[in-house]
N, C-alpha and C. Protein backbone atom coordinates (compact mmCIF):
# COMPACT_ATOMS: atom_id res chain seq x y z
N MET A 1 110.65 106.47 101.96
CA MET A 1 110.84 106.35 103.31
C MET A 1 112.50 105.97 103.26
N SER A 2 112.42 107.36 104.61
CA SER A 2 113.51 107.44 105.29
C SER A 2 113.56 105.93 106.20
N PRO A 3 115.20 105.53 106.79
CA PRO A 3 114.08 105.00 108.07
C PRO A 3 114.05 105.21 109.58
N THR A 4 114.35 107.02 109.75
CA THR A 4 113.21 107.30 109.74
C THR A 4 111.68 107.66 110.08
N GLU A 5 111.94 107.32 109.22
CA GLU A 5 110.37 108.17 108.79
C GLU A 5 108.89 107.26 108.78
N GLN A 6 108.17 106.96 109.27
CA GLN A 6 107.05 106.44 109.64
C GLN A 6 105.96 107.32 108.46
N HIS A 7 104.74 105.65 109.07
CA HIS A 7 103.25 106.57 109.12
C HIS A 7 102.40 105.66 109.48
N LEU A 8 101.49 106.88 109.70
CA LEU A 8 100.46 106.09 110.17
C LEU A 8 98.83 106.06 109.56
N TYR A 9 98.40 104.71 108.99
CA TYR A 9 97.37 104.64 108.89
C TYR A 9 96.23 103.82 109.48
N ILE A 10 94.99 104.44 109.59
CA ILE A 10 93.87 104.82 110.08
C ILE A 10 93.03 103.66 109.25
N GLY A 11 92.70 102.87 108.83
CA GLY A 11 90.57 102.64 108.88
C GLY A 11 89.97 102.46 109.36
N LEU A 12 89.02 103.28 108.96
CA LEU A 12 87.69 103.18 109.32
C LEU A 12 86.59 102.41 108.09
N ILE A 13 85.69 101.42 108.96
CA ILE A 13 84.99 100.72 109.21
C ILE A 13 83.37 101.01 109.84
N GLY A 14 82.53 101.02 108.88
CA GLY A 14 80.29 101.11 109.65
C GLY A 14 79.72 100.37 108.41
N LEU A 15 78.54 100.23 108.37
CA LEU A 15 77.69 100.43 107.82
C LEU A 15 76.83 101.37 107.32
N ASN A 16 76.49 101.91 106.35
CA ASN A 16 76.21 103.01 105.26
C ASN A 16 75.93 103.96 106.27
N GLY A 17 76.40 105.44 105.84
CA GLY A 17 75.49 106.58 106.40
C GLY A 17 76.34 106.11 108.53
N SER A 18 77.00 105.69 108.70
CA SER A 18 77.84 105.24 110.18
C SER A 18 79.39 106.62 110.39
N GLY A 19 78.83 107.61 108.93
CA GLY A 19 79.86 108.58 109.93
C GLY A 19 81.60 109.12 109.46
N LYS A 20 81.70 107.48 108.00
CA LYS A 20 83.26 107.15 108.13
C LYS A 20 83.04 108.67 106.71
N SER A 21 83.00 109.16 106.08
CA SER A 21 83.24 110.08 105.29
C SER A 21 83.71 111.43 106.30
N SER A 22 82.43 111.42 107.52
CA SER A 22 82.92 112.34 108.19
C SER A 22 83.55 112.92 108.85
N VAL A 23 84.24 110.91 109.43
CA VAL A 23 85.73 111.82 109.56
C VAL A 23 86.10 111.79 109.73
N SER A 24 86.43 111.06 108.04
CA SER A 24 87.21 111.17 106.94
C SER A 24 87.66 112.68 106.84
N ASP A 25 86.16 113.61 107.06
CA ASP A 25 86.78 114.70 106.30
C ASP A 25 87.18 115.49 107.33
N TYR A 26 86.52 115.18 108.72
CA TYR A 26 87.44 116.01 109.99
C TYR A 26 89.27 115.96 109.58
N LEU A 27 89.96 114.36 109.66
CA LEU A 27 91.39 114.23 109.59
C LEU A 27 91.54 115.49 108.41
N LYS A 28 90.88 115.40 107.44
CA LYS A 28 91.85 115.73 106.53
C LYS A 28 92.48 117.18 106.84
N LYS A 29 90.67 118.18 107.52
CA LYS A 29 90.90 118.57 106.98
C LYS A 29 91.28 120.32 108.28
N THR A 30 91.69 118.70 109.53
CA THR A 30 92.62 119.19 111.51
C THR A 30 94.23 118.50 110.81
N TYR A 31 94.03 117.54 110.43
CA TYR A 31 95.55 116.62 110.06
C TYR A 31 95.82 117.00 109.37
N ASP A 32 95.54 117.28 108.17
CA ASP A 32 96.14 117.30 106.43
C ASP A 32 96.78 115.81 106.59
N PHE A 33 95.46 115.06 107.17
CA PHE A 33 95.39 113.06 106.43
C PHE A 33 95.18 113.66 105.66
N GLN A 34 95.34 112.42 104.06
CA GLN A 34 95.32 111.75 102.73
C GLN A 34 93.64 110.62 103.05
N ALA A 35 92.51 110.02 102.50
CA ALA A 35 92.03 109.04 102.50
C ALA A 35 92.56 108.47 100.64
N VAL A 36 91.69 107.89 101.11
CA VAL A 36 92.08 106.19 100.07
C VAL A 36 90.31 105.56 100.56
N SER A 37 90.00 105.47 99.55
CA SER A 37 88.63 104.73 99.44
C SER A 37 89.28 103.56 98.71
N LEU A 38 88.39 102.36 99.58
CA LEU A 38 88.88 100.53 99.13
C LEU A 38 88.07 101.05 98.31
N SER A 39 87.02 100.46 98.41
CA SER A 39 86.15 101.00 96.77
C SER A 39 85.70 101.90 95.72
N LYS A 40 87.63 101.73 95.31
CA LYS A 40 87.86 102.36 94.15
C LYS A 40 88.25 101.20 93.72
N ILE A 41 88.57 100.54 94.16
CA ILE A 41 89.07 99.07 93.47
C ILE A 41 87.91 98.63 93.30
N ILE A 42 86.69 99.27 93.16
CA ILE A 42 85.30 97.71 93.35
C ILE A 42 84.50 99.10 92.10
N ARG A 43 84.60 100.43 91.76
CA ARG A 43 83.94 101.14 91.25
C ARG A 43 84.88 101.29 90.15
N ASP A 44 86.79 100.88 89.48
CA ASP A 44 87.02 100.50 88.52
C ASP A 44 86.79 99.65 87.91
N GLU A 45 86.08 97.86 88.77
CA GLU A 45 86.51 97.11 88.43
C GLU A 45 85.29 96.92 87.34
N ALA A 46 83.70 97.91 88.32
CA ALA A 46 82.76 97.87 87.59
C ALA A 46 82.30 98.68 86.01
N THR A 47 83.22 99.43 86.19
CA THR A 47 83.74 100.33 85.14
C THR A 47 84.45 99.58 84.08
N LYS A 48 85.79 99.08 84.43
CA LYS A 48 85.93 98.14 83.74
C LYS A 48 84.77 96.94 82.93
N GLN A 49 84.02 96.52 83.99
CA GLN A 49 83.00 95.71 83.15
C GLN A 49 81.98 95.90 82.12
N ARG A 50 82.60 97.48 81.81
CA ARG A 50 81.16 98.87 81.03
C ARG A 50 79.56 98.05 83.00
N LEU A 51 79.79 98.70 83.95
CA LEU A 51 78.30 97.99 84.74
C LEU A 51 77.70 100.73 85.00
N PRO A 52 76.98 100.75 84.47
CA PRO A 52 76.66 101.41 85.13
C PRO A 52 76.98 101.44 86.55
N LEU A 53 77.75 102.57 87.29
CA LEU A 53 77.64 102.65 89.23
C LEU A 53 76.93 102.33 89.81
N THR A 54 75.71 101.91 90.10
CA THR A 54 74.80 101.96 90.54
C THR A 54 74.98 101.13 91.58
N ARG A 55 74.57 100.87 93.08
CA ARG A 55 74.52 100.31 94.74
C ARG A 55 74.67 98.76 94.28
N TYR A 56 73.94 98.61 93.51
CA TYR A 56 73.73 96.86 93.76
C TYR A 56 74.50 96.83 92.20
N ASN A 57 75.17 97.32 91.03
CA ASN A 57 76.22 96.46 90.22
C ASN A 57 77.71 96.64 91.66
N LEU A 58 77.77 97.92 91.78
CA LEU A 58 78.94 97.77 93.31
C LEU A 58 79.26 96.44 94.60
N ILE A 59 78.18 96.39 94.35
CA ILE A 59 77.70 94.88 95.62
C ILE A 59 77.63 93.89 95.16
N HIS A 60 77.00 93.65 93.65
CA HIS A 60 77.48 92.53 92.95
C HIS A 60 78.65 92.73 92.71
N VAL A 61 79.72 93.36 92.69
CA VAL A 61 81.00 93.78 92.33
C VAL A 61 81.99 93.20 93.43
N ALA A 62 81.71 93.62 94.03
CA ALA A 62 82.41 93.88 95.35
C ALA A 62 82.49 91.92 96.16
N ASN A 63 80.86 91.80 96.28
CA ASN A 63 80.96 90.50 96.60
C ASN A 63 81.75 89.06 94.92
N GLN A 64 81.22 89.97 93.74
CA GLN A 64 82.41 88.83 92.76
C GLN A 64 83.18 88.38 92.96
N LEU A 65 84.37 90.25 93.74
CA LEU A 65 85.98 90.65 93.60
C LEU A 65 86.12 89.59 95.16
N LYS A 66 84.48 89.13 96.44
CA LYS A 66 85.15 88.51 97.18
C LYS A 66 85.96 87.54 96.49
N LYS A 67 84.59 86.39 96.17
CA LYS A 67 84.50 85.65 95.70
C LYS A 67 85.08 84.62 94.80
N GLU A 68 86.32 85.70 94.40
CA GLU A 68 86.89 85.23 93.44
C GLU A 68 88.90 85.48 93.88
N LYS A 69 89.50 86.43 94.80
CA LYS A 69 89.93 87.39 95.03
C LYS A 69 90.66 87.50 96.49
N GLY A 70 89.34 86.40 97.59
CA GLY A 70 89.39 86.62 98.78
C GLY A 70 88.20 87.56 99.83
N SER A 71 87.91 87.66 100.36
CA SER A 71 87.60 88.60 101.81
C SER A 71 88.41 89.85 102.54
N HIS A 72 89.99 89.61 101.83
CA HIS A 72 90.59 91.15 101.93
C HIS A 72 91.79 91.52 100.39
N PHE A 73 91.29 90.92 99.78
CA PHE A 73 91.37 91.17 98.10
C PHE A 73 91.54 93.14 98.32
N CYS A 74 90.88 93.74 98.69
CA CYS A 74 90.76 95.47 97.92
C CYS A 74 91.98 95.90 99.37
N ALA A 75 91.60 95.35 100.38
CA ALA A 75 92.34 96.17 101.73
C ALA A 75 93.61 95.63 101.08
N GLN A 76 94.32 93.86 100.38
CA GLN A 76 95.41 94.31 100.12
C GLN A 76 96.35 94.19 99.15
N LYS A 77 95.46 94.82 98.08
CA LYS A 77 95.84 95.69 96.54
C LYS A 77 95.87 97.43 97.78
N THR A 78 94.82 97.77 98.59
CA THR A 78 95.28 99.06 99.22
C THR A 78 96.72 99.63 99.36
N PHE A 79 96.47 98.76 100.04
CA PHE A 79 97.37 98.82 101.13
C PHE A 79 98.89 98.71 100.43
N LYS A 80 99.21 97.20 99.51
CA LYS A 80 100.54 97.26 99.07
C LYS A 80 100.68 98.69 97.42
N ASP A 81 99.28 99.23 97.12
CA ASP A 81 99.51 100.42 96.11
C ASP A 81 100.41 101.47 96.91
N MET A 82 99.29 101.27 98.00
CA MET A 82 100.30 103.20 99.10
C MET A 82 101.61 103.13 99.69
N SER A 83 101.32 101.69 99.46
CA SER A 83 103.35 101.49 100.49
C SER A 83 103.72 101.76 99.18
N LYS A 84 103.92 101.42 98.02
CA LYS A 84 104.26 101.51 96.94
C LYS A 84 104.89 103.65 96.30
N HIS A 85 103.39 103.92 97.17
CA HIS A 85 103.24 105.31 96.84
C HIS A 85 102.88 105.95 97.90
N PRO A 86 103.89 105.89 98.52
CA PRO A 86 103.21 107.12 100.55
C PRO A 86 102.93 108.19 99.62
N PHE A 87 102.71 108.50 100.85
CA PHE A 87 101.93 110.05 100.52
C PHE A 87 102.72 111.35 101.43
N LYS A 88 102.68 112.09 101.07
CA LYS A 88 103.88 112.47 100.95
C LYS A 88 103.80 113.84 101.73
């Protein structure tokens, strides 16, 4: 990234079914935004543990990660990864 180039990051949070994906899809379609899902880290960890990707297992893995690595782990890892490989 050049010294004058800046990136805008927008976080969407909410309960299941609250419209996060709809807003994300709108931003991607209308403004060519890129989307990143923090839950990818949870899905990747569940896959690593050879667990089926069920809602129950994902909640279990998320709670496990929070307990072992802290409640901000997924957000911090995602932001760190995005900083290494910014969107174009």
